Amino acid sequence: MNPFKQVEKQQRPPKLACFIRRLKRDERGAILAEIGLALPLLLGMLTGVVEVGNYLLVNLKLQHTVVSIADLTTRDENITGAVLADIFNAAPQIMAPFDMGADAVVIVSAISQNEDTPASVFWQRSGGGTLDKDSEFGIEGEAPNLPDGLTLRDDETILATEIYYAYRPLIFQFLPEQVIRKSSFFRPRIGALQEIE
């Protein structure tokens, strides 16, 4: 045996160490891992934007509807049940694309007083939907629950209009189910509207 030619036995690194080194250098599929981590967050944010946008749109539609119904009701000197029913039929058109049906109701209350009668709800009608809700202003024939600072003079009428809407989230329970209420106060342009014919 030649002493100058010593064959050194090379030590090979273990297979696991080689695999780990190769894995560290390999950049294939890195973007998939990043997408896998970011996608749930992005989907959650998109869902939140859609849900909050829908909630804000419902609130805007409700406010627009309650003001429009109050405005239409106070235009004439007298009002009949048939005219008021027609006005209630306009509510689903104003609320579109949101369906009223069993999810909403509009309530119009005529609150007035005169020399002989203290402030009370002279008449009250509801329509535009079938949601079972009572007016927060009180019931016909009883004293009204008016907001602070809202006062009446003799033979002056305030038409207090309310709309209730049962809101349900579109996708997830990101926002809770709730009944949204909007109200509006108008004085009649002509006359007192203390009676409904």
Protein backbone atom coordinates (compact mmCIF):
# COMPACT_ATOMS: atom_id res chain seq x y z
CA MET A 1 0.00 0.00 0.00
CA ASN A 2 1.27 3.35 -1.01
CA PRO A 3 1.67 5.57 2.04
CA PHE A 4 1.28 8.71 -0.10
CA LYS A 5 -2.09 7.71 -1.30
CA GLN A 6 -4.11 7.56 1.73
CA VAL A 7 -7.67 7.39 1.01
CA GLU A 8 -9.50 9.29 3.57
CA LYS A 9 -12.88 8.12 4.26
CA GLN A 10 -15.13 11.05 3.55
CA GLN A 11 -17.94 11.51 5.89
CA ARG A 12 -21.19 12.14 4.23
CA PRO A 13 -23.67 14.43 5.90
CA PRO A 14 -26.88 12.74 6.99
CA LYS A 15 -29.71 12.66 4.49
CA LEU A 16 -31.99 14.82 6.67
CA ALA A 17 -29.45 17.65 6.78
CA CYS A 18 -29.14 17.57 2.97
CA PHE A 19 -32.89 17.69 2.62
CA ILE A 20 -33.16 20.71 4.93
CA ARG A 21 -30.41 22.58 3.05
CA ARG A 22 -32.11 21.90 -0.26
CA LEU A 23 -35.42 23.04 1.17
CA LYS A 24 -33.90 26.32 2.37
CA ARG A 25 -32.55 27.10 -1.10
CA ASP A 26 -35.75 26.10 -2.90
CA GLU A 27 -37.99 29.12 -3.56
CA ARG A 28 -40.63 27.38 -5.62
CA GLY A 29 -44.13 27.75 -4.13
CA ALA A 30 -43.21 30.65 -1.84
CA ILE A 31 -45.96 32.82 -3.31
CA LEU A 32 -48.56 30.12 -2.61
CA ALA A 33 -47.67 30.12 1.06
CA GLU A 34 -48.05 33.91 1.21
CA ILE A 35 -51.39 33.77 -0.58
CA GLY A 36 -52.53 30.98 1.75
CA LEU A 37 -51.80 33.18 4.75
CA ALA A 38 -53.24 36.41 3.31
CA LEU A 39 -56.38 35.09 1.58
CA PRO A 40 -58.52 34.56 4.72
CA LEU A 41 -57.68 38.07 5.90
CA LEU A 42 -58.55 39.59 2.53
CA LEU A 43 -61.83 37.66 2.33
CA GLY A 44 -62.73 38.79 5.85
CA MET A 45 -62.05 42.41 4.96
CA LEU A 46 -64.11 42.15 1.75
CA THR A 47 -67.02 40.62 3.67
CA GLY A 48 -66.85 43.41 6.24
CA VAL A 49 -66.87 46.10 3.55
CA VAL A 50 -69.89 44.55 1.83
CA GLU A 51 -71.78 44.12 5.12
CA VAL A 52 -71.09 47.63 6.42
CA GLY A 53 -71.94 49.12 3.00
CA ASN A 54 -75.26 47.28 2.96
CA TYR A 55 -76.06 48.42 6.52
CA LEU A 56 -75.34 52.06 5.65
CA LEU A 57 -77.45 51.83 2.48
CA VAL A 58 -80.40 50.40 4.44
CA ASN A 59 -80.18 53.29 6.91
CA LEU A 60 -80.08 55.87 4.11
CA LYS A 61 -83.05 54.26 2.36
CA LEU A 62 -85.05 54.19 5.61
CA GLN A 63 -84.36 57.86 6.32
CA HIS A 64 -85.30 58.81 2.75
CA THR A 65 -88.50 56.74 2.94
CA VAL A 66 -89.71 58.18 6.26
CA VAL A 67 -89.11 61.77 5.08
CA SER A 68 -90.86 61.11 1.74
CA ILE A 69 -93.92 59.55 3.40
CA ALA A 70 -94.18 62.45 5.86
CA ASP A 71 -93.79 64.98 3.03
CA LEU A 72 -96.49 63.33 0.89
CA THR A 73 -98.89 63.14 3.83
CA THR A 74 -98.64 66.84 4.71
CA ARG A 75 -99.19 68.29 1.22
CA ASP A 76 -103.00 68.62 1.20
CA GLU A 77 -105.52 70.37 3.41
CA ASN A 78 -107.42 67.14 4.07
CA ILE A 79 -106.41 63.50 3.92
CA THR A 80 -108.45 60.35 3.46
CA GLY A 81 -107.75 56.75 4.32
CA ALA A 82 -107.55 55.90 0.59
CA VAL A 83 -104.96 58.62 -0.09
CA LEU A 84 -102.91 57.48 2.89
CA ALA A 85 -103.07 53.87 1.66
CA ASP A 86 -101.71 55.06 -1.71
CA ILE A 87 -98.90 56.90 0.07
CA PHE A 88 -98.04 53.73 2.01
CA ASN A 89 -97.90 51.86 -1.32
CA ALA A 90 -95.08 54.21 -2.37
CA ALA A 91 -92.88 53.09 0.53
CA PRO A 92 -91.75 49.76 -1.03
CA GLN A 93 -90.85 51.63 -4.23
CA ILE A 94 -88.68 54.09 -2.32
CA MET A 95 -87.05 51.27 -0.31
CA ALA A 96 -86.13 49.23 -3.41
CA PRO A 97 -84.06 47.05 -3.73
CA PHE A 98 -84.77 46.24 -0.06
CA ASP A 99 -87.99 44.29 0.39
CA MET A 100 -90.39 45.65 3.00
CA GLY A 101 -93.13 42.98 3.20
CA ALA A 102 -92.96 41.31 6.61
CA ASP A 103 -89.70 43.10 7.45
CA ALA A 104 -90.97 46.68 7.72
CA VAL A 105 -93.85 48.97 8.61
CA VAL A 106 -94.53 52.72 8.36
CA ILE A 107 -96.62 54.43 11.06
CA VAL A 108 -98.06 57.94 10.70
CA SER A 109 -99.38 59.64 13.86
CA ALA A 110 -101.19 62.99 13.90
CA ILE A 111 -100.34 64.65 17.22
CA SER A 112 -102.29 67.78 18.00
CA GLN A 113 -104.11 69.79 20.63
CA ASN A 114 -106.80 72.47 20.78
CA GLU A 115 -108.43 74.60 23.43
CA ASP A 116 -110.71 71.78 24.58
CA THR A 117 -108.37 68.79 24.12
CA PRO A 118 -104.87 68.41 25.57
CA ALA A 119 -102.07 67.13 23.36
CA SER A 120 -102.91 63.65 22.15
CA VAL A 121 -102.58 61.33 19.20
CA PHE A 122 -105.65 62.37 17.16
CA TRP A 123 -105.28 59.57 14.59
CA GLN A 124 -102.76 56.93 13.63
CA ARG A 125 -102.39 54.66 10.59
CA SER A 126 -99.80 52.10 9.49
CA GLY A 127 -98.93 50.44 6.20
CA GLY A 128 -96.22 49.73 3.67
CA GLY A 129 -95.41 46.42 5.34
CA THR A 130 -96.64 43.98 7.98
CA LEU A 131 -93.95 44.07 10.67
CA ASP A 132 -95.62 43.98 14.10
CA LYS A 133 -94.38 47.14 15.85
CA ASP A 134 -96.12 49.83 17.90
CA SER A 135 -95.45 53.53 17.62
CA GLU A 136 -93.06 54.99 20.18
CA PHE A 137 -95.18 58.15 20.18
CA GLY A 138 -98.15 56.38 21.77
CA ILE A 139 -101.50 55.07 20.54
CA GLU A 140 -104.51 56.86 19.13
CA GLY A 141 -106.50 58.78 21.74
CA GLU A 142 -103.74 58.92 24.36
CA ALA A 143 -101.17 61.52 25.35
CA PRO A 144 -98.11 61.43 23.07
CA ASN A 145 -94.51 60.66 24.00
CA LEU A 146 -92.80 63.57 22.31
CA PRO A 147 -89.07 64.25 22.29
CA ASP A 148 -87.81 66.92 24.66
CA GLY A 149 -88.12 70.42 23.25
CA LEU A 150 -90.94 69.57 20.82
CA THR A 151 -93.97 71.66 21.81
CA LEU A 152 -97.42 72.21 20.33
CA ARG A 153 -99.61 75.30 20.05
CA ASP A 154 -103.41 75.13 19.94
CA ASP A 155 -104.76 73.78 16.64
CA GLU A 156 -101.28 72.89 15.50
CA THR A 157 -100.59 69.37 14.29
CA ILE A 158 -97.35 67.49 13.99
CA LEU A 159 -97.31 64.44 11.77
CA ALA A 160 -94.85 62.07 13.39
CA THR A 161 -93.82 59.42 10.90
CA GLU A 162 -91.86 56.30 11.85
CA ILE A 163 -90.46 53.42 9.88
CA TYR A 164 -89.28 50.14 11.37
CA TYR A 165 -87.14 47.65 9.47
CA ALA A 166 -85.96 44.21 10.64
CA TYR A 167 -82.33 44.17 9.48
CA ARG A 168 -80.61 40.83 8.88
CA PRO A 169 -76.95 40.59 7.83
CA LEU A 170 -76.20 39.43 4.29
CA ILE A 171 -73.32 37.03 4.86
CA PHE A 172 -72.13 36.54 8.43
CA GLN A 173 -73.23 37.87 11.79
CA PHE A 174 -70.69 40.67 11.33
CA LEU A 175 -73.41 43.12 12.38
CA PRO A 176 -76.18 41.90 14.70
CA GLU A 177 -79.79 41.37 13.64
CA GLN A 178 -81.79 44.38 14.81
CA VAL A 179 -84.91 46.44 14.19
CA ILE A 180 -83.88 49.83 12.84
CA ARG A 181 -86.19 52.77 13.55
CA LYS A 182 -86.18 56.14 11.79
CA SER A 183 -88.58 59.00 12.46
CA SER A 184 -89.54 62.33 10.95
CA PHE A 185 -91.67 65.30 12.08
CA PHE A 186 -93.58 67.49 9.62
CA ARG A 187 -96.20 70.19 10.10
CA PRO A 188 -99.06 70.28 7.57
CA ARG A 189 -98.63 72.92 4.87
CA ILE A 190 -102.35 73.76 4.76
CA GLY A 191 -104.88 73.19 7.52
CA ALA A 192 -104.43 71.18 10.70
CA LEU A 193 -105.00 67.57 9.52
CA GLN A 194 -106.59 66.75 12.86
CA GLU A 195 -108.96 64.28 11.22
CA ILE A 196 -108.63 61.56 8.65
CA GLU A 197 -111.63 61.10 6.39
